């Protein structure tokens, strides 16, 4: 049972480690110290739900429903393009620093953005539901495997959200925000491009 949980933890951690739209958003919220707990909790609980769905055998849904994967990819790409362009415009305008950006974020806005970046991203479904679900089938203790993957998600998101505060002195400068916004914006557009070319 423990080896299965460790395998789930390792695979879950490796999948979530890749820099993506969701991770970039959590990092930004952590730097701003803005609704960090709620954002991390939404990401981790969302992963938990998707991992449970995958381990329970719903990974076959994507292949069973014709056009579902294409629809998810197009919708996710459109959202990522919008978010990426918006972030690049913020980088172009510049002038942001910890105080001004922190005052701008509402709980509602943070929650809605976090939910959109999580649930409208087709890669989340492919990683958690399809891939983790398929891999879990080879383990005797699927619940332990899924539990390990979910634990990796919880630890990662909260470490990223609260660990970002260590970078706060760097982001006291407006130029650092511009660089971060450029990186985030280009990451979003790159992911969108990848989705469109799949």
N, C-alpha and C. Protein backbone atom coordinates (compact mmCIF):
# COMPACT_ATOMS: atom_id res chain seq x y z
N UNK A 1 0.82 -1.21 0.00
CA UNK A 1 0.00 0.00 0.00
C UNK A 1 0.86 1.26 0.00
N UNK A 2 1.90 1.29 0.83
CA UNK A 2 2.79 2.46 0.90
C UNK A 2 3.56 2.65 -0.40
N UNK A 3 4.09 1.58 -1.02
CA UNK A 3 4.76 1.78 -2.32
C UNK A 3 3.83 2.38 -3.38
N UNK A 4 2.56 1.99 -3.36
CA UNK A 4 1.60 2.53 -4.32
C UNK A 4 1.36 4.02 -4.06
N UNK A 5 1.28 4.39 -2.78
CA UNK A 5 1.09 5.80 -2.42
C UNK A 5 2.31 6.62 -2.83
N UNK A 6 3.50 6.07 -2.65
CA UNK A 6 4.73 6.77 -3.04
C UNK A 6 4.78 6.95 -4.55
N UNK A 7 4.38 5.91 -5.28
CA UNK A 7 4.34 6.01 -6.75
C UNK A 7 3.36 7.08 -7.20
N UNK A 8 2.20 7.13 -6.55
CA UNK A 8 1.21 8.17 -6.87
C UNK A 8 1.73 9.56 -6.56
N UNK A 9 2.41 9.68 -5.42
CA UNK A 9 2.98 10.96 -5.03
C UNK A 9 4.02 11.41 -6.06
N UNK A 10 4.91 10.50 -6.46
CA UNK A 10 5.98 10.85 -7.40
C UNK A 10 5.42 11.26 -8.75
N UNK A 11 4.46 10.50 -9.26
CA UNK A 11 3.88 10.84 -10.56
C UNK A 11 3.08 12.14 -10.47
N UNK A 12 2.28 12.28 -9.42
CA UNK A 12 1.49 13.50 -9.24
C UNK A 12 2.38 14.73 -9.14
N UNK A 13 3.46 14.62 -8.40
CA UNK A 13 4.37 15.76 -8.23
C UNK A 13 5.06 16.12 -9.54
N UNK A 14 5.47 15.09 -10.29
CA UNK A 14 6.17 15.36 -11.55
C UNK A 14 5.24 16.02 -12.57
N UNK A 15 3.96 15.64 -12.56
CA UNK A 15 3.01 16.24 -13.50
C UNK A 15 2.70 17.69 -13.15
N UNK A 16 2.61 17.99 -11.87
CA UNK A 16 2.21 19.32 -11.45
C UNK A 16 3.37 20.31 -11.46
N UNK A 17 4.59 19.80 -11.51
CA UNK A 17 5.77 20.64 -11.41
C UNK A 17 5.98 21.53 -12.63
N UNK A 18 5.49 21.10 -13.78
CA UNK A 18 5.69 21.89 -15.00
C UNK A 18 5.03 23.26 -14.86
N UNK A 19 5.75 24.30 -15.28
CA UNK A 19 5.22 25.66 -15.19
C UNK A 19 4.06 25.80 -16.16
N UNK A 20 2.94 26.22 -15.64
CA UNK A 20 1.76 26.41 -16.46
C UNK A 20 0.95 27.59 -15.98
N UNK A 21 -0.21 27.77 -16.57
CA UNK A 21 -1.05 28.92 -16.25
C UNK A 21 -1.46 28.92 -14.78
N UNK A 22 -1.86 27.76 -14.29
CA UNK A 22 -2.32 27.66 -12.91
C UNK A 22 -1.18 27.95 -11.92
N UNK A 23 -0.02 27.35 -12.17
CA UNK A 23 1.13 27.57 -11.29
C UNK A 23 1.57 29.04 -11.29
N UNK A 24 1.56 29.65 -12.47
CA UNK A 24 1.95 31.05 -12.57
C UNK A 24 0.99 31.93 -11.78
N UNK A 25 -0.30 31.61 -11.82
CA UNK A 25 -1.29 32.39 -11.08
C UNK A 25 -1.09 32.23 -9.57
N UNK A 26 -0.86 31.01 -9.13
CA UNK A 26 -0.63 30.76 -7.69
C UNK A 26 0.62 31.52 -7.23
N UNK A 27 1.67 31.49 -8.04
CA UNK A 27 2.90 32.22 -7.71
C UNK A 27 2.62 33.71 -7.58
N UNK A 28 1.88 34.25 -8.52
CA UNK A 28 1.56 35.69 -8.49
C UNK A 28 0.75 36.05 -7.24
N UNK A 29 -0.25 35.25 -6.94
CA UNK A 29 -1.07 35.52 -5.74
C UNK A 29 -0.21 35.40 -4.47
N UNK A 30 0.72 34.45 -4.47
CA UNK A 30 1.60 34.31 -3.31
C UNK A 30 2.50 35.52 -3.14
N UNK A 31 3.02 36.03 -4.26
CA UNK A 31 3.87 37.24 -4.20
C UNK A 31 3.10 38.44 -3.68
N UNK A 32 1.82 38.51 -4.09
CA UNK A 32 0.98 39.63 -3.66
C UNK A 32 0.42 39.44 -2.25
N UNK A 33 0.56 38.21 -1.71
CA UNK A 33 -0.05 37.86 -0.43
C UNK A 33 -1.55 38.13 -0.49
N UNK A 34 -2.13 37.76 -1.62
CA UNK A 34 -3.54 38.06 -1.88
C UNK A 34 -4.35 36.76 -2.02
N UNK A 35 -5.18 36.49 -1.03
CA UNK A 35 -6.08 35.33 -1.05
C UNK A 35 -5.33 34.03 -1.31
N UNK A 36 -4.14 33.90 -0.74
CA UNK A 36 -3.27 32.76 -1.02
C UNK A 36 -3.91 31.44 -0.57
N UNK A 37 -4.45 31.42 0.64
CA UNK A 37 -5.02 30.17 1.15
C UNK A 37 -6.16 29.68 0.27
N UNK A 38 -7.07 30.59 -0.09
CA UNK A 38 -8.23 30.21 -0.91
C UNK A 38 -7.78 29.71 -2.27
N UNK A 39 -6.83 30.41 -2.90
CA UNK A 39 -6.34 30.02 -4.22
C UNK A 39 -5.67 28.65 -4.16
N UNK A 40 -4.81 28.43 -3.17
CA UNK A 40 -4.14 27.14 -3.03
C UNK A 40 -5.15 26.03 -2.75
N UNK A 41 -6.13 26.33 -1.92
CA UNK A 41 -7.15 25.33 -1.58
C UNK A 41 -7.98 24.96 -2.81
N UNK A 42 -8.37 25.94 -3.61
CA UNK A 42 -9.14 25.67 -4.83
C UNK A 42 -8.34 24.76 -5.76
N UNK A 43 -7.07 25.09 -5.97
CA UNK A 43 -6.23 24.28 -6.86
C UNK A 43 -6.08 22.85 -6.34
N UNK A 44 -5.81 22.71 -5.05
CA UNK A 44 -5.57 21.39 -4.48
C UNK A 44 -6.85 20.56 -4.46
N UNK A 45 -7.97 21.15 -4.07
CA UNK A 45 -9.24 20.42 -4.03
C UNK A 45 -9.69 20.05 -5.45
N UNK A 46 -9.49 20.96 -6.39
CA UNK A 46 -9.83 20.66 -7.79
C UNK A 46 -9.03 19.45 -8.27
N UNK A 47 -7.73 19.44 -7.98
CA UNK A 47 -6.90 18.29 -8.35
C UNK A 47 -7.40 17.01 -7.68
N UNK A 48 -7.78 17.12 -6.42
CA UNK A 48 -8.30 15.96 -5.69
C UNK A 48 -9.53 15.38 -6.40
N UNK A 49 -10.46 16.26 -6.77
CA UNK A 49 -11.68 15.81 -7.46
C UNK A 49 -11.33 15.12 -8.78
N UNK A 50 -10.42 15.73 -9.53
CA UNK A 50 -10.04 15.17 -10.83
C UNK A 50 -9.26 13.86 -10.68
N UNK A 51 -8.41 13.78 -9.67
CA UNK A 51 -7.66 12.54 -9.42
C UNK A 51 -8.62 11.42 -9.04
N UNK A 52 -9.58 11.73 -8.17
CA UNK A 52 -10.57 10.72 -7.78
C UNK A 52 -11.35 10.25 -9.01
N UNK A 53 -11.73 11.19 -9.88
CA UNK A 53 -12.45 10.82 -11.10
C UNK A 53 -11.59 9.91 -11.98
N UNK A 54 -10.31 10.24 -12.10
CA UNK A 54 -9.42 9.43 -12.93
C UNK A 54 -9.21 8.04 -12.36
N UNK A 55 -8.95 7.97 -11.06
CA UNK A 55 -8.71 6.69 -10.40
C UNK A 55 -9.99 5.84 -10.41
N UNK A 56 -11.15 6.50 -10.33
CA UNK A 56 -12.42 5.78 -10.33
C UNK A 56 -12.78 5.24 -11.72
N UNK A 57 -12.01 5.62 -12.76
CA UNK A 57 -12.22 5.03 -14.07
C UNK A 57 -12.86 5.92 -15.11
N UNK A 58 -12.92 7.23 -14.86
CA UNK A 58 -13.53 8.12 -15.83
C UNK A 58 -12.55 8.60 -16.89
N UNK A 59 -11.34 8.07 -16.88
CA UNK A 59 -10.35 8.46 -17.88
C UNK A 59 -10.78 8.12 -19.29
N UNK A 60 -11.66 7.13 -19.42
CA UNK A 60 -12.14 6.71 -20.74
C UNK A 60 -13.14 7.68 -21.35
N UNK A 61 -13.63 8.64 -20.56
CA UNK A 61 -14.65 9.58 -21.04
C UNK A 61 -14.16 10.39 -22.24
N UNK A 62 -12.92 10.80 -22.20
CA UNK A 62 -12.37 11.62 -23.29
C UNK A 62 -12.38 10.87 -24.61
N UNK A 63 -12.17 9.57 -24.57
CA UNK A 63 -12.20 8.80 -25.82
C UNK A 63 -13.61 8.35 -26.17
N UNK A 64 -14.49 8.25 -25.19
CA UNK A 64 -15.85 7.79 -25.43
C UNK A 64 -16.75 8.85 -26.06
N UNK A 65 -16.47 10.13 -25.76
CA UNK A 65 -17.31 11.22 -26.29
C UNK A 65 -16.57 11.90 -27.44
N UNK A 66 -17.03 11.68 -28.67
CA UNK A 66 -16.37 12.29 -29.82
C UNK A 66 -16.41 13.82 -29.76
N UNK A 67 -15.29 14.44 -30.04
CA UNK A 67 -15.23 15.89 -30.07
C UNK A 67 -15.00 16.56 -28.73
N UNK A 68 -15.07 15.80 -27.64
CA UNK A 68 -14.89 16.40 -26.31
C UNK A 68 -13.50 16.97 -26.14
N UNK A 69 -12.48 16.20 -26.56
CA UNK A 69 -11.10 16.68 -26.40
C UNK A 69 -10.85 17.93 -27.24
N UNK A 70 -11.35 17.95 -28.47
CA UNK A 70 -11.16 19.12 -29.34
C UNK A 70 -11.86 20.34 -28.75
N UNK A 71 -13.07 20.17 -28.29
CA UNK A 71 -13.80 21.29 -27.68
C UNK A 71 -13.09 21.83 -26.46
N UNK A 72 -12.57 20.94 -25.62
CA UNK A 72 -11.84 21.36 -24.43
C UNK A 72 -10.58 22.12 -24.82
N UNK A 73 -9.88 21.63 -25.84
CA UNK A 73 -8.64 22.29 -26.27
C UNK A 73 -8.93 23.69 -26.82
N UNK A 74 -9.93 23.83 -27.67
CA UNK A 74 -10.23 25.14 -28.27
C UNK A 74 -10.70 26.15 -27.23
N UNK A 75 -11.56 25.71 -26.35
CA UNK A 75 -12.07 26.61 -25.30
C UNK A 75 -10.94 27.02 -24.36
N UNK A 76 -10.11 26.05 -23.97
CA UNK A 76 -8.98 26.34 -23.09
C UNK A 76 -7.98 27.27 -23.75
N UNK A 77 -7.71 27.05 -25.04
CA UNK A 77 -6.76 27.90 -25.77
C UNK A 77 -7.28 29.34 -25.85
N UNK A 78 -8.57 29.50 -26.12
CA UNK A 78 -9.16 30.85 -26.19
C UNK A 78 -9.01 31.58 -24.86
N UNK A 79 -9.28 30.88 -23.76
CA UNK A 79 -9.15 31.51 -22.45
C UNK A 79 -7.70 31.89 -22.17
N UNK A 80 -6.77 30.99 -22.48
CA UNK A 80 -5.35 31.26 -22.21
C UNK A 80 -4.83 32.41 -23.06
N UNK A 81 -5.30 32.53 -24.30
CA UNK A 81 -4.90 33.65 -25.16
C UNK A 81 -5.38 34.96 -24.54
N UNK A 82 -6.63 34.99 -24.11
CA UNK A 82 -7.18 36.20 -23.48
C UNK A 82 -6.37 36.58 -22.24
N UNK A 83 -6.12 35.60 -21.38
CA UNK A 83 -5.39 35.87 -20.13
C UNK A 83 -3.95 36.29 -20.42
N UNK A 84 -3.31 35.63 -21.39
CA UNK A 84 -1.93 35.95 -21.75
C UNK A 84 -1.79 37.35 -22.31
N UNK A 85 -2.70 37.73 -23.21
CA UNK A 85 -2.66 39.08 -23.79
C UNK A 85 -2.90 40.13 -22.71
N UNK A 86 -3.84 39.86 -21.82
CA UNK A 86 -4.12 40.80 -20.73
C UNK A 86 -2.89 41.00 -19.84
N UNK A 87 -2.17 39.91 -19.57
CA UNK A 87 -0.97 39.99 -18.74
C UNK A 87 0.15 40.74 -19.45
N UNK A 88 0.31 40.51 -20.75
CA UNK A 88 1.34 41.22 -21.52
C UNK A 88 1.03 42.71 -21.61
N UNK A 89 -0.23 43.07 -21.70
CA UNK A 89 -0.62 44.49 -21.70
C UNK A 89 -0.24 45.13 -20.36
N UNK A 90 -0.46 44.40 -19.26
CA UNK A 90 -0.08 44.90 -17.93
C UNK A 90 1.43 45.09 -17.85
N UNK A 91 2.20 44.18 -18.47
CA UNK A 91 3.66 44.31 -18.48
C UNK A 91 4.08 45.53 -19.30
N UNK A 92 3.43 45.76 -20.41
CA UNK A 92 3.74 46.89 -21.28
C UNK A 92 3.49 48.22 -20.57
N UNK A 93 2.38 48.28 -19.84
CA UNK A 93 2.04 49.52 -19.11
C UNK A 93 3.01 49.76 -17.96
N UNK A 94 3.41 48.67 -17.31
CA UNK A 94 4.38 48.77 -16.21
C UNK A 94 3.86 49.60 -15.05
N UNK A 95 4.78 50.02 -14.21
CA UNK A 95 4.44 50.87 -13.08
C UNK A 95 3.82 50.15 -11.90
N UNK A 96 3.73 48.82 -11.96
CA UNK A 96 3.13 48.09 -10.86
C UNK A 96 4.19 47.80 -9.80
N UNK A 97 3.72 47.77 -8.58
CA UNK A 97 4.57 47.31 -7.48
C UNK A 97 3.66 46.68 -6.44
N UNK A 98 4.24 46.14 -5.40
CA UNK A 98 3.48 45.32 -4.45
C UNK A 98 2.22 46.01 -3.95
N UNK A 99 2.30 47.27 -3.56
CA UNK A 99 1.16 47.93 -2.96
C UNK A 99 0.02 48.14 -3.95
N UNK A 100 0.33 48.64 -5.14
CA UNK A 100 -0.74 48.94 -6.09
C UNK A 100 -1.39 47.68 -6.62
N UNK A 101 -0.59 46.64 -6.88
CA UNK A 101 -1.17 45.41 -7.41
C UNK A 101 -1.97 44.71 -6.33
N UNK A 102 -1.48 44.72 -5.12
CA UNK A 102 -2.16 44.03 -4.04
C UNK A 102 -3.54 44.63 -3.81
N UNK A 103 -3.67 45.93 -3.92
CA UNK A 103 -4.95 46.58 -3.66
C UNK A 103 -5.98 46.26 -4.74
N UNK A 104 -5.51 45.84 -5.91
CA UNK A 104 -6.42 45.63 -7.03
C UNK A 104 -7.13 44.28 -7.01
N UNK A 105 -6.61 43.29 -6.30
CA UNK A 105 -7.16 41.94 -6.36
C UNK A 105 -8.31 41.72 -5.41
N UNK A 106 -9.47 41.33 -5.93
CA UNK A 106 -10.61 41.01 -5.09
C UNK A 106 -10.68 39.50 -4.89
N UNK A 107 -11.32 39.06 -3.84
CA UNK A 107 -11.47 37.63 -3.58
C UNK A 107 -12.26 36.99 -4.71
N UNK A 108 -13.33 37.64 -5.14
CA UNK A 108 -14.17 37.11 -6.22
C UNK A 108 -13.35 36.94 -7.50
N UNK A 109 -12.57 37.96 -7.83
CA UNK A 109 -11.74 37.89 -9.03
C UNK A 109 -10.71 36.79 -8.95
N UNK A 110 -10.08 36.65 -7.78
CA UNK A 110 -9.07 35.60 -7.59
C UNK A 110 -9.69 34.22 -7.71
N UNK A 111 -10.86 34.03 -7.11
CA UNK A 111 -11.54 32.74 -7.15
C UNK A 111 -11.96 32.39 -8.57
N UNK A 112 -12.58 33.34 -9.27
CA UNK A 112 -13.04 33.08 -10.64
C UNK A 112 -11.87 32.79 -11.58
N UNK A 113 -10.79 33.57 -11.45
CA UNK A 113 -9.62 33.34 -12.30
C UNK A 113 -9.00 31.99 -12.00
N UNK A 114 -8.89 31.65 -10.73
CA UNK A 114 -8.31 30.37 -10.33
C UNK A 114 -9.16 29.21 -10.85
N UNK A 115 -10.47 29.31 -10.72
CA UNK A 115 -11.36 28.26 -11.22
C UNK A 115 -11.24 28.12 -12.73
N UNK A 116 -11.17 29.25 -13.42
CA UNK A 116 -11.06 29.21 -14.89
C UNK A 116 -9.73 28.58 -15.31
N UNK A 117 -8.62 29.00 -14.68
CA UNK A 117 -7.31 28.46 -15.04
C UNK A 117 -7.20 26.98 -14.71
N UNK A 118 -7.99 26.53 -13.75
CA UNK A 118 -7.97 25.13 -13.36
C UNK A 118 -8.90 24.29 -14.24
N UNK A 119 -10.16 24.67 -14.31
CA UNK A 119 -11.17 23.82 -14.95
C UNK A 119 -11.30 24.02 -16.46
N UNK A 120 -10.75 25.10 -17.00
CA UNK A 120 -10.82 25.31 -18.45
C UNK A 120 -9.52 24.89 -19.15
N UNK A 121 -8.61 24.31 -18.40
CA UNK A 121 -7.33 23.89 -18.95
C UNK A 121 -7.38 22.40 -19.30
N UNK A 122 -7.39 22.06 -20.59
CA UNK A 122 -7.47 20.65 -20.97
C UNK A 122 -6.31 19.80 -20.44
N UNK A 123 -5.14 20.42 -20.25
CA UNK A 123 -4.00 19.67 -19.73
C UNK A 123 -4.27 19.12 -18.34
N UNK A 124 -5.07 19.85 -17.56
CA UNK A 124 -5.41 19.38 -16.21
C UNK A 124 -6.15 18.05 -16.32
N UNK A 125 -7.10 17.96 -17.26
CA UNK A 125 -7.86 16.72 -17.42
C UNK A 125 -6.97 15.59 -17.95
N UNK A 126 -6.12 15.94 -18.91
CA UNK A 126 -5.25 14.92 -19.48
C UNK A 126 -4.28 14.37 -18.43
N UNK A 127 -3.74 15.27 -17.60
CA UNK A 127 -2.78 14.84 -16.57
C UNK A 127 -3.45 14.07 -15.45
N UNK A 128 -4.52 14.63 -14.90
CA UNK A 128 -5.12 14.04 -13.70
C UNK A 128 -6.09 12.92 -14.02
N UNK A 129 -7.08 13.20 -14.86
CA UNK A 129 -8.12 12.21 -15.12
C UNK A 129 -7.60 11.09 -16.01
N UNK A 130 -7.04 11.45 -17.15
CA UNK A 130 -6.65 10.44 -18.14
C UNK A 130 -5.35 9.73 -17.74
N UNK A 131 -4.26 10.49 -17.57
CA UNK A 131 -2.96 9.86 -17.31
C UNK A 131 -2.91 9.19 -15.94
N UNK A 132 -3.22 9.94 -14.89
CA UNK A 132 -3.18 9.33 -13.55
C UNK A 132 -4.19 8.19 -13.44
N UNK A 133 -5.35 8.37 -14.07
CA UNK A 133 -6.36 7.31 -14.05
C UNK A 133 -5.86 6.05 -14.73
N UNK A 134 -5.21 6.23 -15.88
CA UNK A 134 -4.69 5.06 -16.62
C UNK A 134 -3.56 4.38 -15.86
N UNK A 135 -2.65 5.16 -15.30
CA UNK A 135 -1.52 4.59 -14.56
C UNK A 135 -1.99 3.88 -13.29
N UNK A 136 -3.01 4.43 -12.64
CA UNK A 136 -3.50 3.84 -11.39
C UNK A 136 -4.03 2.42 -11.59
N UNK A 137 -4.46 2.11 -12.82
CA UNK A 137 -5.02 0.79 -13.09
C UNK A 137 -4.01 -0.34 -12.88
N UNK A 138 -2.72 -0.02 -12.94
CA UNK A 138 -1.72 -1.07 -12.78
C UNK A 138 -1.33 -1.32 -11.32
N UNK A 139 -1.93 -0.57 -10.40
CA UNK A 139 -1.60 -0.73 -8.98
C UNK A 139 -2.74 -1.45 -8.25
N UNK A 140 -2.36 -2.27 -7.27
CA UNK A 140 -3.34 -3.01 -6.48
C UNK A 140 -4.15 -2.08 -5.58
N UNK A 141 -3.49 -1.07 -5.05
CA UNK A 141 -4.15 -0.14 -4.11
C UNK A 141 -4.36 1.21 -4.81
N UNK A 142 -5.41 1.30 -5.62
CA UNK A 142 -5.69 2.52 -6.38
C UNK A 142 -5.94 3.71 -5.46
N UNK A 143 -6.61 3.45 -4.35
CA UNK A 143 -6.92 4.55 -3.41
C UNK A 143 -5.63 5.12 -2.84
N UNK A 144 -4.68 4.26 -2.51
CA UNK A 144 -3.39 4.73 -1.98
C UNK A 144 -2.64 5.51 -3.06
N UNK A 145 -2.67 5.01 -4.28
CA UNK A 145 -2.02 5.69 -5.40
C UNK A 145 -2.63 7.09 -5.60
N UNK A 146 -3.95 7.14 -5.65
CA UNK A 146 -4.63 8.43 -5.80
C UNK A 146 -4.39 9.35 -4.62
N UNK A 147 -4.36 8.78 -3.42
CA UNK A 147 -4.09 9.57 -2.22
C UNK A 147 -2.70 10.19 -2.25
N UNK A 148 -1.73 9.42 -2.75
CA UNK A 148 -0.36 9.94 -2.88
C UNK A 148 -0.31 11.09 -3.87
N UNK A 149 -1.00 10.94 -5.00
CA UNK A 149 -1.03 12.01 -6.02
C UNK A 149 -1.72 13.26 -5.47
N UNK A 150 -2.81 13.06 -4.72
CA UNK A 150 -3.53 14.20 -4.14
C UNK A 150 -2.68 14.91 -3.09
N UNK A 151 -1.94 14.14 -2.29
CA UNK A 151 -1.05 14.73 -1.28
C UNK A 151 0.03 15.58 -1.95
N UNK A 152 0.56 15.08 -3.06
CA UNK A 152 1.57 15.85 -3.79
C UNK A 152 1.00 17.18 -4.25
N UNK A 153 -0.23 17.17 -4.71
CA UNK A 153 -0.89 18.39 -5.17
C UNK A 153 -1.06 19.39 -4.03
N UNK A 154 -1.58 18.93 -2.89
CA UNK A 154 -1.78 19.82 -1.74
C UNK A 154 -0.45 20.43 -1.29
N UNK A 155 0.57 19.59 -1.14
CA UNK A 155 1.87 20.09 -0.68
C UNK A 155 2.46 21.08 -1.68
N UNK A 156 2.36 20.78 -2.96
CA UNK A 156 2.95 21.64 -3.98
C UNK A 156 2.29 23.01 -4.01
N UNK A 157 0.97 23.05 -4.08
CA UNK A 157 0.28 24.33 -4.21
C UNK A 157 0.50 25.22 -2.99
N UNK A 158 0.42 24.64 -1.80
CA UNK A 158 0.62 25.47 -0.61
C UNK A 158 2.07 25.90 -0.47
N UNK A 159 3.02 25.05 -0.86
CA UNK A 159 4.43 25.45 -0.84
C UNK A 159 4.69 26.57 -1.84
N UNK A 160 4.08 26.47 -3.02
CA UNK A 160 4.26 27.50 -4.05
C UNK A 160 3.61 28.81 -3.61
N UNK A 161 2.39 28.74 -3.12
CA UNK A 161 1.68 29.95 -2.72
C UNK A 161 2.34 30.69 -1.57
N UNK A 162 2.70 29.95 -0.53
CA UNK A 162 3.29 30.60 0.64
C UNK A 162 4.81 30.77 0.51
N UNK A 163 5.45 29.92 -0.28
CA UNK A 163 6.89 30.05 -0.50
C UNK A 163 7.23 31.25 -1.37
N UNK A 164 6.27 31.70 -2.16
CA UNK A 164 6.50 32.86 -3.03
C UNK A 164 6.86 34.11 -2.22
N UNK A 165 6.44 34.15 -0.97
CA UNK A 165 6.72 35.33 -0.13
C UNK A 165 8.22 35.56 0.07
N UNK A 166 8.99 34.49 -0.08
CA UNK A 166 10.43 34.64 0.05
C UNK A 166 11.00 35.52 -1.06
N UNK A 167 10.27 35.61 -2.17
CA UNK A 167 10.70 36.42 -3.30
C UNK A 167 10.18 37.86 -3.22
N UNK A 168 9.41 38.17 -2.19
CA UNK A 168 8.78 39.49 -2.08
C UNK A 168 9.77 40.66 -2.18
N UNK A 169 10.96 40.60 -1.57
CA UNK A 169 11.89 41.74 -1.70
C UNK A 169 12.26 42.03 -3.16
N UNK A 170 12.39 40.99 -3.96
CA UNK A 170 12.71 41.19 -5.38
C UNK A 170 11.57 41.91 -6.08
N UNK A 171 10.33 41.52 -5.73
CA UNK A 171 9.16 42.07 -6.41
C UNK A 171 8.68 43.37 -5.80
N UNK A 172 9.49 43.98 -4.95
CA UNK A 172 9.19 45.33 -4.48
C UNK A 172 9.47 46.35 -5.59
N UNK A 173 10.19 45.91 -6.61
CA UNK A 173 10.56 46.80 -7.73
C UNK A 173 9.59 46.60 -8.90
N UNK A 174 9.11 47.69 -9.49
CA UNK A 174 8.18 47.59 -10.62
C UNK A 174 8.72 46.77 -11.80
N UNK A 175 10.02 46.86 -12.07
CA UNK A 175 10.61 46.13 -13.20
C UNK A 175 10.44 44.61 -13.02
N UNK A 176 10.54 44.13 -11.79
CA UNK A 176 10.38 42.69 -11.53
C UNK A 176 8.98 42.24 -11.90
N UNK A 177 7.97 43.08 -11.63
CA UNK A 177 6.60 42.74 -12.00
C UNK A 177 6.44 42.67 -13.51
N UNK A 178 7.11 43.59 -14.20
CA UNK A 178 7.05 43.56 -15.67
C UNK A 178 7.64 42.26 -16.21
N UNK A 179 8.77 41.86 -15.66
CA UNK A 179 9.42 40.62 -16.10
C UNK A 179 8.51 39.43 -15.81
N UNK A 180 7.93 39.38 -14.61
CA UNK A 180 7.03 38.28 -14.25
C UNK A 180 5.82 38.26 -15.19
N UNK A 181 5.23 39.43 -15.45
CA UNK A 181 4.07 39.49 -16.33
C UNK A 181 4.41 39.03 -17.75
N UNK A 182 5.60 39.39 -18.23
CA UNK A 182 6.02 38.94 -19.56
C UNK A 182 6.16 37.42 -19.57
N UNK A 183 6.79 36.86 -18.54
CA UNK A 183 6.98 35.41 -18.46
C UNK A 183 5.63 34.70 -18.39
N UNK A 184 4.74 35.21 -17.53
CA UNK A 184 3.42 34.60 -17.39
C UNK A 184 2.64 34.71 -18.69
N UNK A 185 2.63 35.90 -19.30
CA UNK A 185 1.90 36.11 -20.54
C UNK A 185 2.39 35.20 -21.66
N UNK A 186 3.71 35.12 -21.82
CA UNK A 186 4.28 34.26 -22.86
C UNK A 186 4.02 32.78 -22.58
N UNK A 187 4.04 32.41 -21.30
CA UNK A 187 3.73 31.02 -20.92
C UNK A 187 2.30 30.67 -21.32
N UNK A 188 1.36 31.58 -21.01
CA UNK A 188 -0.05 31.36 -21.37
C UNK A 188 -0.19 31.19 -22.88
N UNK A 189 0.44 32.09 -23.65
CA UNK A 189 0.32 32.03 -25.11
C UNK A 189 0.98 30.78 -25.68
N UNK A 190 2.10 30.36 -25.08
CA UNK A 190 2.79 29.15 -25.53
C UNK A 190 1.92 27.92 -25.29
N UNK A 191 1.28 27.87 -24.12
CA UNK A 191 0.40 26.74 -23.82
C UNK A 191 -0.80 26.74 -24.77
N UNK A 192 -1.35 27.93 -25.02
CA UNK A 192 -2.47 28.03 -25.97
C UNK A 192 -2.06 27.56 -27.35
N UNK A 193 -0.87 27.98 -27.80
CA UNK A 193 -0.36 27.54 -29.09
C UNK A 193 -0.18 26.04 -29.17
N UNK A 194 0.32 25.46 -28.09
CA UNK A 194 0.50 24.01 -28.02
C UNK A 194 -0.84 23.30 -28.12
N UNK A 195 -1.85 23.85 -27.44
CA UNK A 195 -3.18 23.24 -27.49
C UNK A 195 -3.76 23.29 -28.90
N UNK A 196 -3.54 24.40 -29.59
CA UNK A 196 -4.09 24.56 -30.94
C UNK A 196 -3.38 23.68 -31.97
N UNK A 197 -2.11 23.36 -31.69
CA UNK A 197 -1.33 22.56 -32.65
C UNK A 197 -1.39 21.06 -32.38
N UNK A 198 -2.07 20.66 -31.31
CA UNK A 198 -2.14 19.23 -30.96
C UNK A 198 -2.98 18.47 -31.98
